[in-house]
Amino acid sequence: LSRNQDGTRPQRMAARTHSSAGTATLRPYLNAVRATLQAALCLENFSSQVVERHNKPEVEVRSSKELLLQPVIISRNEKEKVLIEGSINSVRVSIAVKQADEIEKILCHKFMRFMMMRAENFFILRRKPVEGYDISFLITNFHTEQMYKHKLVDFVIHFMEEIDKEISEMKLSVNARARIVAEEFLKNVSLWFVACVSRF
């Protein structure tokens, strides 16, 4: 292949340009999510106004409208968005992950299902996502009292950064394996064909 003046091959240079462009659009999206989460995580201990001696996440039970904040949707595009629902004592964060084709949809579904089956290990992960989203986190005032607030925000942002990479790597692995299987299949078919022809 011909090289540019700096010695870089054209394809590699194009790939790097595409990657940097993706990062440039991702950063403002993550910054908006981070700023909104930091504002929403001003939580306090608040007992239920309906049931005595009960302390439930108001964003889940939704028994008192005056305790709920206006939901915020932050979108990067039609397929990637975050829903942040706040209340006086809890915040629910729901994430829709980019799924460009059927393979990515299957991989995303399997990966999220794997995580949600182990929700107790992640503390803030819900076992079932909000409808229309792929995964949901529930952060209560007890979490912010026991953990660093900025670390909780960092965890959500880090998850959003890494999930696309994980799905892309799994897709490459699946495609590579499919290519090997197809090559072996065609090799066996060609050998069988040669064997059949040689008999005649």
C-alpha atoms as a PDB file:
ATOM      1  CA  LEU A   1       0.000   0.000   0.000  1.00  0.00           C
ATOM      2  CA  SER A   2       1.159   3.535  -0.675  1.00  0.00           C
ATOM      3  CA  ARG A   3       2.080   5.671   2.290  1.00  0.00           C
ATOM      4  CA  ASN A   4       1.469   9.327   3.070  1.00  0.00           C
ATOM      5  CA  GLN A   5       4.265  11.838   3.573  1.00  0.00           C
ATOM      6  CA  ASP A   6       4.356  11.079   7.295  1.00  0.00           C
ATOM      7  CA  GLY A   7       4.666   7.346   6.579  1.00  0.00           C
ATOM      8  CA  THR A   8       1.184   6.492   7.822  1.00  0.00           C
ATOM      9  CA  ARG A   9      -0.995   4.211   5.732  1.00  0.00           C
ATOM     10  CA  PRO A  10      -4.237   5.852   4.517  1.00  0.00           C
ATOM     11  CA  GLN A  11      -6.555   3.259   6.117  1.00  0.00           C
ATOM     12  CA  ARG A  12      -4.982   3.575   9.544  1.00  0.00           C
ATOM     13  CA  MET A  13      -5.097   7.333   9.349  1.00  0.00           C
ATOM     14  CA  ALA A  14      -8.804   7.217   8.449  1.00  0.00           C
ATOM     15  CA  ALA A  15      -9.496   4.871  11.365  1.00  0.00           C
ATOM     16  CA  ARG A  16      -7.742   7.203  13.776  1.00  0.00           C
ATOM     17  CA  THR A  17      -9.695  10.184  12.431  1.00  0.00           C
ATOM     18  CA  HIS A  18     -12.979   8.289  12.867  1.00  0.00           C
ATOM     19  CA  SER A  19     -12.008   7.277  16.428  1.00  0.00           C
ATOM     20  CA  SER A  20     -11.062  10.827  17.434  1.00  0.00           C
ATOM     21  CA  ALA A  21     -14.312  12.145  15.930  1.00  0.00           C
ATOM     22  CA  GLY A  22     -16.301   9.628  17.989  1.00  0.00           C
ATOM     23  CA  THR A  23     -14.448  10.654  21.147  1.00  0.00           C
ATOM     24  CA  ALA A  24     -15.086  14.333  20.386  1.00  0.00           C
ATOM     25  CA  THR A  25     -18.857  13.755  20.296  1.00  0.00           C
ATOM     26  CA  LEU A  26     -18.808  11.415  23.316  1.00  0.00           C
ATOM     27  CA  ARG A  27     -17.066  13.835  25.702  1.00  0.00           C
ATOM     28  CA  PRO A  28     -19.754  16.606  25.728  1.00  0.00           C
ATOM     29  CA  TYR A  29     -22.418  13.893  26.132  1.00  0.00           C
ATOM     30  CA  LEU A  30     -20.652  12.413  29.179  1.00  0.00           C
ATOM     31  CA  ASN A  31     -19.991  15.874  30.627  1.00  0.00           C
ATOM     32  CA  ALA A  32     -23.705  16.702  30.416  1.00  0.00           C
ATOM     33  CA  VAL A  33     -24.602  13.418  32.153  1.00  0.00           C
ATOM     34  CA  ARG A  34     -21.985  14.033  34.858  1.00  0.00           C
ATOM     35  CA  ALA A  35     -23.196  17.580  35.586  1.00  0.00           C
ATOM     36  CA  THR A  36     -26.843  16.475  35.741  1.00  0.00           C
ATOM     37  CA  LEU A  37     -26.034  13.549  38.039  1.00  0.00           C
ATOM     38  CA  GLN A  38     -24.017  15.737  40.388  1.00  0.00           C
ATOM     39  CA  ALA A  39     -26.986  18.088  40.704  1.00  0.00           C
ATOM     40  CA  ALA A  40     -29.517  15.247  41.111  1.00  0.00           C
ATOM     41  CA  LEU A  41     -27.546  13.454  43.836  1.00  0.00           C
ATOM     42  CA  CYS A  42     -28.398  16.040  46.498  1.00  0.00           C
ATOM     43  CA  LEU A  43     -30.384  13.455  48.465  1.00  0.00           C
ATOM     44  CA  GLU A  44     -31.628  13.312  52.043  1.00  0.00           C
ATOM     45  CA  ASN A  45     -33.209  10.746  54.323  1.00  0.00           C
ATOM     46  CA  PHE A  46     -36.969  11.063  53.941  1.00  0.00           C
ATOM     47  CA  SER A  47     -39.604   8.740  55.394  1.00  0.00           C
ATOM     48  CA  SER A  48     -42.742   7.810  53.496  1.00  0.00           C
ATOM     49  CA  GLN A  49     -45.662  10.223  53.801  1.00  0.00           C
ATOM     50  CA  VAL A  50     -48.109   7.377  53.153  1.00  0.00           C
ATOM     51  CA  VAL A  51     -46.858   4.448  55.255  1.00  0.00           C
ATOM     52  CA  GLU A  52     -45.533   5.066  58.751  1.00  0.00           C
ATOM     53  CA  ARG A  53     -41.923   4.043  59.512  1.00  0.00           C
ATOM     54  CA  HIS A  54     -41.232   3.165  55.897  1.00  0.00           C
ATOM     55  CA  ASN A  55     -38.386   4.634  53.894  1.00  0.00           C
ATOM     56  CA  LYS A  56     -38.761   3.730  50.242  1.00  0.00           C
ATOM     57  CA  PRO A  57     -37.090   5.245  47.154  1.00  0.00           C
ATOM     58  CA  GLU A  58     -39.665   7.825  46.087  1.00  0.00           C
ATOM     59  CA  VAL A  59     -38.493   7.655  42.479  1.00  0.00           C
ATOM     60  CA  GLU A  60     -39.686   4.028  42.471  1.00  0.00           C
ATOM     61  CA  VAL A  61     -42.886   4.103  44.557  1.00  0.00           C
ATOM     62  CA  ARG A  62     -44.017   7.522  43.192  1.00  0.00           C
ATOM     63  CA  SER A  63     -46.594   7.911  45.968  1.00  0.00           C
ATOM     64  CA  SER A  64     -46.117  11.675  46.449  1.00  0.00           C
ATOM     65  CA  LYS A  65     -45.774  13.819  43.325  1.00  0.00           C
ATOM     66  CA  GLU A  66     -44.395  16.783  45.254  1.00  0.00           C
ATOM     67  CA  LEU A  67     -41.284  14.722  46.114  1.00  0.00           C
ATOM     68  CA  LEU A  68     -40.401  13.982  42.481  1.00  0.00           C
ATOM     69  CA  LEU A  69     -38.219  16.090  40.196  1.00  0.00           C
ATOM     70  CA  GLN A  70     -38.754  16.650  36.491  1.00  0.00           C
ATOM     71  CA  PRO A  71     -37.134  13.758  34.550  1.00  0.00           C
ATOM     72  CA  VAL A  72     -34.214  14.745  32.316  1.00  0.00           C
ATOM     73  CA  ILE A  73     -33.304  12.994  29.050  1.00  0.00           C
ATOM     74  CA  ILE A  74     -29.812  13.559  27.636  1.00  0.00           C
ATOM     75  CA  SER A  75     -29.414  12.263  24.064  1.00  0.00           C
ATOM     76  CA  ARG A  76     -26.296  11.803  21.985  1.00  0.00           C
ATOM     77  CA  ASN A  77     -28.366  10.555  19.048  1.00  0.00           C
ATOM     78  CA  GLU A  78     -31.586   8.624  18.454  1.00  0.00           C
ATOM     79  CA  LYS A  79     -30.143   5.367  19.828  1.00  0.00           C
ATOM     80  CA  GLU A  80     -27.932   6.640  22.668  1.00  0.00           C
ATOM     81  CA  LYS A  81     -29.604   8.450  25.540  1.00  0.00           C
ATOM     82  CA  VAL A  82     -29.771   8.662  29.329  1.00  0.00           C
ATOM     83  CA  LEU A  83     -32.873   9.185  31.447  1.00  0.00           C
ATOM     84  CA  ILE A  84     -32.239  10.714  34.895  1.00  0.00           C
ATOM     85  CA  GLU A  85     -35.230  10.653  37.254  1.00  0.00           C
ATOM     86  CA  GLY A  86     -34.733  12.432  40.561  1.00  0.00           C
ATOM     87  CA  SER A  87     -36.595  12.611  43.851  1.00  0.00           C
ATOM     88  CA  ILE A  88     -35.966  13.772  47.404  1.00  0.00           C
ATOM     89  CA  ASN A  89     -34.260  10.540  48.505  1.00  0.00           C
ATOM     90  CA  SER A  90     -33.323   8.648  45.333  1.00  0.00           C
ATOM     91  CA  VAL A  91     -32.210   8.937  41.711  1.00  0.00           C
ATOM     92  CA  ARG A  92     -32.819   6.443  38.908  1.00  0.00           C
ATOM     93  CA  VAL A  93     -30.449   6.472  35.929  1.00  0.00           C
ATOM     94  CA  SER A  94     -31.474   4.551  32.796  1.00  0.00           C
ATOM     95  CA  ILE A  95     -29.116   4.116  29.844  1.00  0.00           C
ATOM     96  CA  ALA A  96     -29.904   3.226  26.227  1.00  0.00           C
ATOM     97  CA  VAL A  97     -26.810   1.771  24.555  1.00  0.00           C
ATOM     98  CA  LYS A  98     -26.018   2.165  20.848  1.00  0.00           C
ATOM     99  CA  GLN A  99     -26.987  -0.950  18.866  1.00  0.00           C
ATOM    100  CA  ALA A 100     -26.185  -0.517  15.181  1.00  0.00           C
ATOM    101  CA  ASP A 101     -27.225  -3.980  13.963  1.00  0.00           C
ATOM    102  CA  GLU A 102     -28.735  -7.303  15.051  1.00  0.00           C
ATOM    103  CA  ILE A 103     -25.411  -8.676  16.327  1.00  0.00           C
ATOM    104  CA  GLU A 104     -24.925  -5.673  18.618  1.00  0.00           C
ATOM    105  CA  LYS A 105     -28.521  -6.023  19.855  1.00  0.00           C
ATOM    106  CA  ILE A 106     -27.943  -9.665  20.796  1.00  0.00           C
ATOM    107  CA  LEU A 107     -24.568  -8.938  22.422  1.00  0.00           C
ATOM    108  CA  CYS A 108     -25.984  -5.975  24.355  1.00  0.00           C
ATOM    109  CA  HIS A 109     -28.964  -8.022  25.581  1.00  0.00           C
ATOM    110  CA  LYS A 110     -26.741 -10.915  26.729  1.00  0.00           C
ATOM    111  CA  PHE A 111     -24.208  -8.610  28.396  1.00  0.00           C
ATOM    112  CA  MET A 112     -26.870  -6.625  30.273  1.00  0.00           C
ATOM    113  CA  ARG A 113     -28.651  -9.813  31.328  1.00  0.00           C
ATOM    114  CA  PHE A 114     -25.342 -11.176  32.662  1.00  0.00           C
ATOM    115  CA  MET A 115     -24.841  -8.026  34.755  1.00  0.00           C
ATOM    116  CA  MET A 116     -28.418  -7.784  36.037  1.00  0.00           C
ATOM    117  CA  MET A 117     -28.306 -11.403  37.238  1.00  0.00           C
ATOM    118  CA  ARG A 118     -25.438 -10.264  39.485  1.00  0.00           C
ATOM    119  CA  ALA A 119     -27.061  -7.004  40.572  1.00  0.00           C
ATOM    120  CA  GLU A 120     -26.322  -7.610  44.264  1.00  0.00           C
ATOM    121  CA  ASN A 121     -22.597  -7.301  43.509  1.00  0.00           C
ATOM    122  CA  PHE A 122     -23.048  -3.820  42.015  1.00  0.00           C
ATOM    123  CA  PHE A 123     -25.275  -2.392  44.830  1.00  0.00           C
ATOM    124  CA  ILE A 124     -26.879   0.338  42.683  1.00  0.00           C
ATOM    125  CA  LEU A 125     -27.827  -1.839  39.684  1.00  0.00           C
ATOM    126  CA  ARG A 126     -31.516  -2.648  39.143  1.00  0.00           C
ATOM    127  CA  ARG A 127     -32.468  -6.180  38.131  1.00  0.00           C
ATOM    128  CA  LYS A 128     -34.881  -4.849  35.531  1.00  0.00           C
ATOM    129  CA  PRO A 129     -34.312  -1.744  33.387  1.00  0.00           C
ATOM    130  CA  VAL A 130     -36.885   0.963  32.775  1.00  0.00           C
ATOM    131  CA  GLU A 131     -38.927   0.229  29.649  1.00  0.00           C
ATOM    132  CA  GLY A 132     -37.226   1.545  26.531  1.00  0.00           C
ATOM    133  CA  TYR A 133     -33.734   1.412  28.079  1.00  0.00           C
ATOM    134  CA  ASP A 134     -31.084  -1.300  28.353  1.00  0.00           C
ATOM    135  CA  ILE A 135     -29.928  -0.902  31.951  1.00  0.00           C
ATOM    136  CA  SER A 136     -30.943   1.117  35.025  1.00  0.00           C
ATOM    137  CA  PHE A 137     -29.186   2.192  38.221  1.00  0.00           C
ATOM    138  CA  LEU A 138     -30.943   3.193  41.443  1.00  0.00           C
ATOM    139  CA  ILE A 139     -29.025   5.448  43.847  1.00  0.00           C
ATOM    140  CA  THR A 140     -30.631   6.179  47.227  1.00  0.00           C
ATOM    141  CA  ASN A 141     -29.682   8.458  50.104  1.00  0.00           C
ATOM    142  CA  PHE A 142     -28.259   5.394  51.898  1.00  0.00           C
ATOM    143  CA  HIS A 143     -25.790   4.882  49.049  1.00  0.00           C
ATOM    144  CA  THR A 144     -24.660   8.518  49.164  1.00  0.00           C
ATOM    145  CA  GLU A 145     -24.251   8.260  52.956  1.00  0.00           C
ATOM    146  CA  GLN A 146     -22.142   5.096  52.741  1.00  0.00           C
ATOM    147  CA  MET A 147     -20.178   5.867  49.565  1.00  0.00           C
ATOM    148  CA  TYR A 148     -18.463   8.876  48.038  1.00  0.00           C
ATOM    149  CA  LYS A 149     -20.909  10.770  45.850  1.00  0.00           C
ATOM    150  CA  HIS A 150     -18.323  11.633  43.197  1.00  0.00           C
ATOM    151  CA  LYS A 151     -17.270   7.972  43.023  1.00  0.00           C
ATOM    152  CA  LEU A 152     -20.842   6.924  42.269  1.00  0.00           C
ATOM    153  CA  VAL A 153     -20.941   9.462  39.435  1.00  0.00           C
ATOM    154  CA  ASP A 154     -17.547   8.243  38.192  1.00  0.00           C
ATOM    155  CA  PHE A 155     -18.823   4.645  38.164  1.00  0.00           C
ATOM    156  CA  VAL A 156     -21.820   5.512  35.969  1.00  0.00           C
ATOM    157  CA  ILE A 157     -19.684   7.589  33.580  1.00  0.00           C
ATOM    158  CA  HIS A 158     -17.006   4.879  33.399  1.00  0.00           C
ATOM    159  CA  PHE A 159     -19.686   2.289  32.631  1.00  0.00           C
ATOM    160  CA  MET A 160     -20.985   4.451  29.772  1.00  0.00           C
ATOM    161  CA  GLU A 161     -17.454   4.840  28.387  1.00  0.00           C
ATOM    162  CA  GLU A 162     -16.615   1.136  28.557  1.00  0.00           C
ATOM    163  CA  ILE A 163     -19.863  -0.489  27.416  1.00  0.00           C
ATOM    164  CA  ASP A 164     -19.410   0.598  23.773  1.00  0.00           C
ATOM    165  CA  LYS A 165     -15.834  -0.731  23.777  1.00  0.00           C
ATOM    166  CA  GLU A 166     -16.919  -4.061  25.279  1.00  0.00           C
ATOM    167  CA  ILE A 167     -19.684  -4.598  22.733  1.00  0.00           C
ATOM    168  CA  SER A 168     -17.385  -3.588  19.846  1.00  0.00           C
ATOM    169  CA  GLU A 169     -14.693  -6.031  21.020  1.00  0.00           C
ATOM    170  CA  MET A 170     -17.232  -8.844  21.407  1.00  0.00           C
ATOM    171  CA  LYS A 171     -18.573  -8.116  17.924  1.00  0.00           C
ATOM    172  CA  LEU A 172     -15.061  -8.285  16.436  1.00  0.00           C
ATOM    173  CA  SER A 173     -14.485 -11.579  18.244  1.00  0.00           C
ATOM    174  CA  VAL A 174     -17.768 -13.023  16.936  1.00  0.00           C
ATOM    175  CA  ASN A 175     -16.980 -11.886  13.379  1.00  0.00           C
ATOM    176  CA  ALA A 176     -13.473 -13.376  13.548  1.00  0.00           C
ATOM    177  CA  ARG A 177     -14.834 -16.682  14.799  1.00  0.00           C
ATOM    178  CA  ALA A 178     -17.540 -16.703  12.112  1.00  0.00           C
ATOM    179  CA  ARG A 179     -14.891 -16.075   9.454  1.00  0.00           C
ATOM    180  CA  ILE A 180     -12.814 -19.044  10.661  1.00  0.00           C
ATOM    181  CA  VAL A 181     -15.878 -21.305  10.745  1.00  0.00           C
ATOM    182  CA  ALA A 182     -16.882 -20.218   7.231  1.00  0.00           C
ATOM    183  CA  GLU A 183     -13.363 -20.860   5.901  1.00  0.00           C
ATOM    184  CA  GLU A 184     -13.289 -24.349   7.439  1.00  0.00           C
ATOM    185  CA  PHE A 185     -16.745 -25.128   6.092  1.00  0.00           C
ATOM    186  CA  LEU A 186     -15.830 -24.023   2.563  1.00  0.00           C
ATOM    187  CA  LYS A 187     -12.577 -25.972   2.773  1.00  0.00           C
ATOM    188  CA  ASN A 188     -14.458 -29.168   3.701  1.00  0.00           C
ATOM    189  CA  VAL A 189     -17.052 -28.558   0.982  1.00  0.00           C
ATOM    190  CA  SER A 190     -14.335 -28.072  -1.647  1.00  0.00           C
ATOM    191  CA  LEU A 191     -12.567 -31.275  -0.530  1.00  0.00           C
ATOM    192  CA  TRP A 192     -15.845 -33.171  -0.696  1.00  0.00           C
ATOM    193  CA  PHE A 193     -16.521 -31.738  -4.158  1.00  0.00           C
ATOM    194  CA  VAL A 194     -13.042 -32.718  -5.405  1.00  0.00           C
ATOM    195  CA  ALA A 195     -13.516 -36.224  -3.995  1.00  0.00           C
ATOM    196  CA  CYS A 196     -16.875 -36.592  -5.746  1.00  0.00           C
ATOM    197  CA  VAL A 197     -15.520 -35.322  -9.070  1.00  0.00           C
ATOM    198  CA  SER A 198     -12.459 -37.585  -8.927  1.00  0.00           C
ATOM    199  CA  ARG A 199     -14.706 -40.672  -8.735  1.00  0.00           C
ATOM    200  CA  PHE A 200     -16.084 -39.871 -12.150  1.00  0.00           C
END
